[in-house]
C-alpha atoms as a PDB file:
ATOM      1  CA  MET A   1     -23.202  67.174  33.979  1.00  0.00           C
ATOM      2  CA  ILE A   2     -21.723  64.138  35.652  1.00  0.00           C
ATOM      3  CA  VAL A   3     -18.726  63.589  37.876  1.00  0.00           C
ATOM      4  CA  THR A   4     -16.504  60.529  37.739  1.00  0.00           C
ATOM      5  CA  GLN A   5     -15.696  58.449  40.792  1.00  0.00           C
ATOM      6  CA  GLN A   6     -12.080  59.609  40.496  1.00  0.00           C
ATOM      7  CA  GLU A   7     -13.162  63.282  40.469  1.00  0.00           C
ATOM      8  CA  ARG A   8     -15.415  62.718  43.483  1.00  0.00           C
ATOM      9  CA  GLU A   9     -12.545  61.099  45.402  1.00  0.00           C
ATOM     10  CA  LYS A  10     -10.176  63.952  44.463  1.00  0.00           C
ATOM     11  CA  LEU A  11     -12.788  66.481  45.595  1.00  0.00           C
ATOM     12  CA  GLU A  12     -13.265  64.742  48.945  1.00  0.00           C
ATOM     13  CA  GLU A  13      -9.500  64.495  49.494  1.00  0.00           C
ATOM     14  CA  LYS A  14      -8.940  68.190  48.780  1.00  0.00           C
ATOM     15  CA  LEU A  15     -11.847  69.232  50.984  1.00  0.00           C
ATOM     16  CA  SER A  16     -10.587  67.118  53.879  1.00  0.00           C
ATOM     17  CA  GLU A  17      -7.136  68.756  53.629  1.00  0.00           C
ATOM     18  CA  GLY A  18      -8.462  72.332  53.560  1.00  0.00           C
ATOM     19  CA  TRP A  19      -8.489  73.379  49.920  1.00  0.00           C
ATOM     20  CA  GLN A  20      -6.415  76.573  49.757  1.00  0.00           C
ATOM     21  CA  LEU A  21      -5.540  78.488  46.590  1.00  0.00           C
ATOM     22  CA  SER A  22      -2.307  80.353  45.954  1.00  0.00           C
ATOM     23  CA  GLN A  23      -2.412  84.073  46.713  1.00  0.00           C
ATOM     24  CA  GLU A  24       0.220  84.628  44.032  1.00  0.00           C
ATOM     25  CA  LEU A  25      -1.858  82.964  41.331  1.00  0.00           C
ATOM     26  CA  PHE A  26      -5.378  83.952  42.367  1.00  0.00           C
ATOM     27  CA  GLY A  27      -4.749  87.362  43.932  1.00  0.00           C
ATOM     28  CA  ASP A  28      -6.710  86.754  47.090  1.00  0.00           C
ATOM     29  CA  PRO A  29      -4.902  86.261  50.390  1.00  0.00           C
ATOM     30  CA  GLY A  30      -5.998  83.077  52.105  1.00  0.00           C
ATOM     31  CA  CYS A  31      -8.417  82.177  49.368  1.00  0.00           C
ATOM     32  CA  ASP A  32     -10.182  78.978  50.294  1.00  0.00           C
ATOM     33  CA  ILE A  33     -12.081  77.140  47.564  1.00  0.00           C
ATOM     34  CA  HIS A  34     -15.340  78.001  49.318  1.00  0.00           C
ATOM     35  CA  ASP A  35     -14.516  81.737  48.956  1.00  0.00           C
ATOM     36  CA  PHE A  36     -13.446  81.389  45.315  1.00  0.00           C
ATOM     37  CA  MET A  37     -15.180  83.713  42.859  1.00  0.00           C
ATOM     38  CA  LEU A  38     -15.058  83.995  39.090  1.00  0.00           C
ATOM     39  CA  GLU A  39     -13.053  87.192  39.630  1.00  0.00           C
ATOM     40  CA  ASN A  40     -10.275  85.043  41.143  1.00  0.00           C
ATOM     41  CA  TYR A  41     -10.177  82.950  37.975  1.00  0.00           C
ATOM     42  CA  THR A  42     -10.173  86.066  35.784  1.00  0.00           C
ATOM     43  CA  TYR A  43      -7.292  87.490  37.841  1.00  0.00           C
ATOM     44  CA  PHE A  44      -5.423  84.217  37.389  1.00  0.00           C
ATOM     45  CA  ILE A  45      -5.854  84.138  33.589  1.00  0.00           C
ATOM     46  CA  ASN A  46      -4.938  87.832  33.299  1.00  0.00           C
ATOM     47  CA  HIS A  47      -1.773  87.584  35.410  1.00  0.00           C
ATOM     48  CA  VAL A  48      -0.389  84.086  34.848  1.00  0.00           C
ATOM     49  CA  ASP A  49       2.941  84.443  33.044  1.00  0.00           C
ATOM     50  CA  SER A  50       4.014  80.932  32.058  1.00  0.00           C
ATOM     51  CA  VAL A  51       2.511  77.686  30.912  1.00  0.00           C
ATOM     52  CA  GLU A  52       3.850  75.973  34.043  1.00  0.00           C
ATOM     53  CA  LYS A  53       2.100  78.487  36.336  1.00  0.00           C
ATOM     54  CA  LEU A  54      -1.059  78.059  34.253  1.00  0.00           C
ATOM     55  CA  ARG A  55      -0.904  74.306  34.840  1.00  0.00           C
ATOM     56  CA  GLU A  56      -0.164  74.818  38.554  1.00  0.00           C
ATOM     57  CA  GLY A  57      -3.194  77.081  39.029  1.00  0.00           C
ATOM     58  CA  LEU A  58      -5.456  74.684  37.177  1.00  0.00           C
ATOM     59  CA  ARG A  59      -4.117  71.793  39.276  1.00  0.00           C
ATOM     60  CA  GLN A  60      -4.980  73.783  42.404  1.00  0.00           C
ATOM     61  CA  LEU A  61      -8.550  74.063  41.118  1.00  0.00           C
ATOM     62  CA  SER A  62      -8.757  70.432  39.989  1.00  0.00           C
ATOM     63  CA  PRO A  63     -11.151  68.610  39.684  1.00  0.00           C
ATOM     64  CA  ILE A  64     -13.277  71.700  38.921  1.00  0.00           C
ATOM     65  CA  THR A  65     -11.036  72.751  36.022  1.00  0.00           C
ATOM     66  CA  ASP A  66      -9.891  69.384  34.669  1.00  0.00           C
ATOM     67  CA  ASP A  67     -11.144  70.235  31.168  1.00  0.00           C
ATOM     68  CA  ALA A  68      -8.951  73.362  31.080  1.00  0.00           C
ATOM     69  CA  LEU A  69      -6.049  71.477  32.659  1.00  0.00           C
ATOM     70  CA  LYS A  70      -6.155  68.958  29.823  1.00  0.00           C
ATOM     71  CA  VAL A  71      -5.777  71.808  27.310  1.00  0.00           C
ATOM     72  CA  ALA A  72      -2.958  73.432  29.323  1.00  0.00           C
ATOM     73  CA  GLU A  73      -1.053  70.167  29.619  1.00  0.00           C
ATOM     74  CA  SER A  74      -0.887  69.943  25.829  1.00  0.00           C
ATOM     75  CA  MET A  75       0.390  73.542  25.431  1.00  0.00           C
ATOM     76  CA  SER A  76       3.953  74.565  24.702  1.00  0.00           C
ATOM     77  CA  GLU A  77       5.422  77.888  25.853  1.00  0.00           C
ATOM     78  CA  GLN A  78       4.802  79.160  22.295  1.00  0.00           C
ATOM     79  CA  ASP A  79       1.150  78.120  22.510  1.00  0.00           C
ATOM     80  CA  PHE A  80       0.899  79.895  25.864  1.00  0.00           C
ATOM     81  CA  ALA A  81       2.444  83.072  24.402  1.00  0.00           C
ATOM     82  CA  TYR A  82      -0.061  82.916  21.525  1.00  0.00           C
ATOM     83  CA  PHE A  83      -2.951  82.486  23.979  1.00  0.00           C
ATOM     84  CA  LYS A  84      -1.850  85.421  26.151  1.00  0.00           C
ATOM     85  CA  GLU A  85      -1.234  87.655  23.133  1.00  0.00           C
ATOM     86  CA  ASN A  86      -4.708  86.882  21.808  1.00  0.00           C
ATOM     87  CA  LEU A  87      -6.523  86.920  25.153  1.00  0.00           C
ATOM     88  CA  PRO A  88      -8.374  90.200  24.408  1.00  0.00           C
ATOM     89  CA  ALA A  89      -9.552  88.840  21.047  1.00  0.00           C
ATOM     90  CA  TYR A  90     -10.739  85.600  22.666  1.00  0.00           C
ATOM     91  CA  ARG A  91     -12.707  87.600  25.222  1.00  0.00           C
ATOM     92  CA  GLU A  92     -14.234  89.831  22.555  1.00  0.00           C
ATOM     93  CA  GLY A  93     -15.169  86.814  20.470  1.00  0.00           C
ATOM     94  CA  THR A  94     -13.195  88.096  17.483  1.00  0.00           C
ATOM     95  CA  LYS A  95     -10.755  85.185  17.596  1.00  0.00           C
ATOM     96  CA  THR A  96     -12.436  82.431  15.620  1.00  0.00           C
ATOM     97  CA  ASP A  97     -10.468  79.352  16.686  1.00  0.00           C
ATOM     98  CA  LYS A  98     -11.959  77.673  19.749  1.00  0.00           C
ATOM     99  CA  LYS A  99      -8.771  75.905  20.803  1.00  0.00           C
ATOM    100  CA  TYR A 100      -8.334  77.807  24.076  1.00  0.00           C
ATOM    101  CA  GLY A 101     -11.940  78.653  24.941  1.00  0.00           C
ATOM    102  CA  THR A 102     -11.940  76.210  27.833  1.00  0.00           C
ATOM    103  CA  LEU A 103      -9.029  78.115  29.407  1.00  0.00           C
ATOM    104  CA  LEU A 104     -11.112  81.298  29.425  1.00  0.00           C
ATOM    105  CA  ILE A 105     -13.885  79.629  31.364  1.00  0.00           C
ATOM    106  CA  PRO A 106     -13.862  75.935  32.248  1.00  0.00           C
ATOM    107  CA  ASN A 107     -17.149  74.079  31.776  1.00  0.00           C
ATOM    108  CA  ARG A 108     -18.105  73.713  35.430  1.00  0.00           C
ATOM    109  CA  ILE A 109     -17.410  77.385  36.153  1.00  0.00           C
ATOM    110  CA  LEU A 110     -19.417  78.274  33.046  1.00  0.00           C
ATOM    111  CA  ALA A 111     -22.369  76.197  34.261  1.00  0.00           C
ATOM    112  CA  VAL A 112     -22.467  78.038  37.593  1.00  0.00           C
ATOM    113  CA  GLY A 113     -22.369  81.381  35.773  1.00  0.00           C
ATOM    114  CA  LEU A 114     -25.025  80.467  33.211  1.00  0.00           C
ATOM    115  CA  LEU A 115     -27.387  79.057  35.791  1.00  0.00           C
ATOM    116  CA  GLY A 116     -26.908  82.075  38.061  1.00  0.00           C
ATOM    117  CA  LEU A 117     -26.612  79.773  41.047  1.00  0.00           C
ATOM    118  CA  SER A 118     -24.203  81.951  43.022  1.00  0.00           C
ATOM    119  CA  GLU A 119     -26.489  84.961  42.762  1.00  0.00           C
ATOM    120  CA  ARG A 120     -29.621  82.915  43.417  1.00  0.00           C
ATOM    121  CA  TYR A 121     -28.264  81.467  46.650  1.00  0.00           C
ATOM    122  CA  GLY A 122     -26.047  84.375  47.683  1.00  0.00           C
ATOM    123  CA  ALA A 123     -23.022  82.091  47.862  1.00  0.00           C
ATOM    124  CA  PRO A 124     -19.505  82.347  46.444  1.00  0.00           C
ATOM    125  CA  ASP A 125     -18.909  80.525  43.154  1.00  0.00           C
ATOM    126  CA  GLY A 126     -16.497  78.069  44.793  1.00  0.00           C
ATOM    127  CA  ALA A 127     -19.013  76.983  47.410  1.00  0.00           C
ATOM    128  CA  VAL A 128     -21.594  76.388  44.688  1.00  0.00           C
ATOM    129  CA  LEU A 129     -19.081  74.484  42.542  1.00  0.00           C
ATOM    130  CA  VAL A 130     -18.101  72.218  45.426  1.00  0.00           C
ATOM    131  CA  ARG A 131     -21.719  71.536  46.324  1.00  0.00           C
ATOM    132  CA  LEU A 132     -22.613  70.786  42.703  1.00  0.00           C
ATOM    133  CA  MET A 133     -19.772  68.309  42.384  1.00  0.00           C
ATOM    134  CA  GLU A 134     -20.726  66.673  45.676  1.00  0.00           C
ATOM    135  CA  THR A 135     -24.281  66.127  44.466  1.00  0.00           C
ATOM    136  CA  MET A 136     -23.779  65.431  40.742  1.00  0.00           C
ATOM    137  CA  PRO A 137     -24.550  61.911  39.645  1.00  0.00           C
ATOM    138  CA  ILE A 138     -21.506  59.691  39.244  1.00  0.00           C
ATOM    139  CA  GLY A 139     -21.138  58.514  35.680  1.00  0.00           C
ATOM    140  CA  ASP A 140     -18.675  56.886  33.373  1.00  0.00           C
ATOM    141  CA  ARG A 141     -16.985  59.112  30.776  1.00  0.00           C
ATOM    142  CA  ARG A 142     -15.705  56.684  28.194  1.00  0.00           C
END
């Protein structure tokens, strides 16, 4: 996985400002990105009630969730309603279209989970995600 120069700059800017996440959206009072866990993302997806709040939450997590944000930015309220209605089927794997799979688990969050890095190092998912993005090679995604 690579990170673009723009993503690296966005990451550094957010970290220098104190990267806080919304309690309303992520269900964790005072949740800092370094304390972020996959459970916070699951809470967010389960409880978000509009496409605009979905976009807002993904913007708060950007650049980590930019792939999911791109999907959300193309959604209408009807698309959002369809996604929420079918959320259990997407999670069970019984929904065959892959259109909203990235919303369930963005690629960088998926990588941390698959590699078991949080468990291996005894660190919250957010801290691992930030560190990965800080150390990923910078590439060009054309």
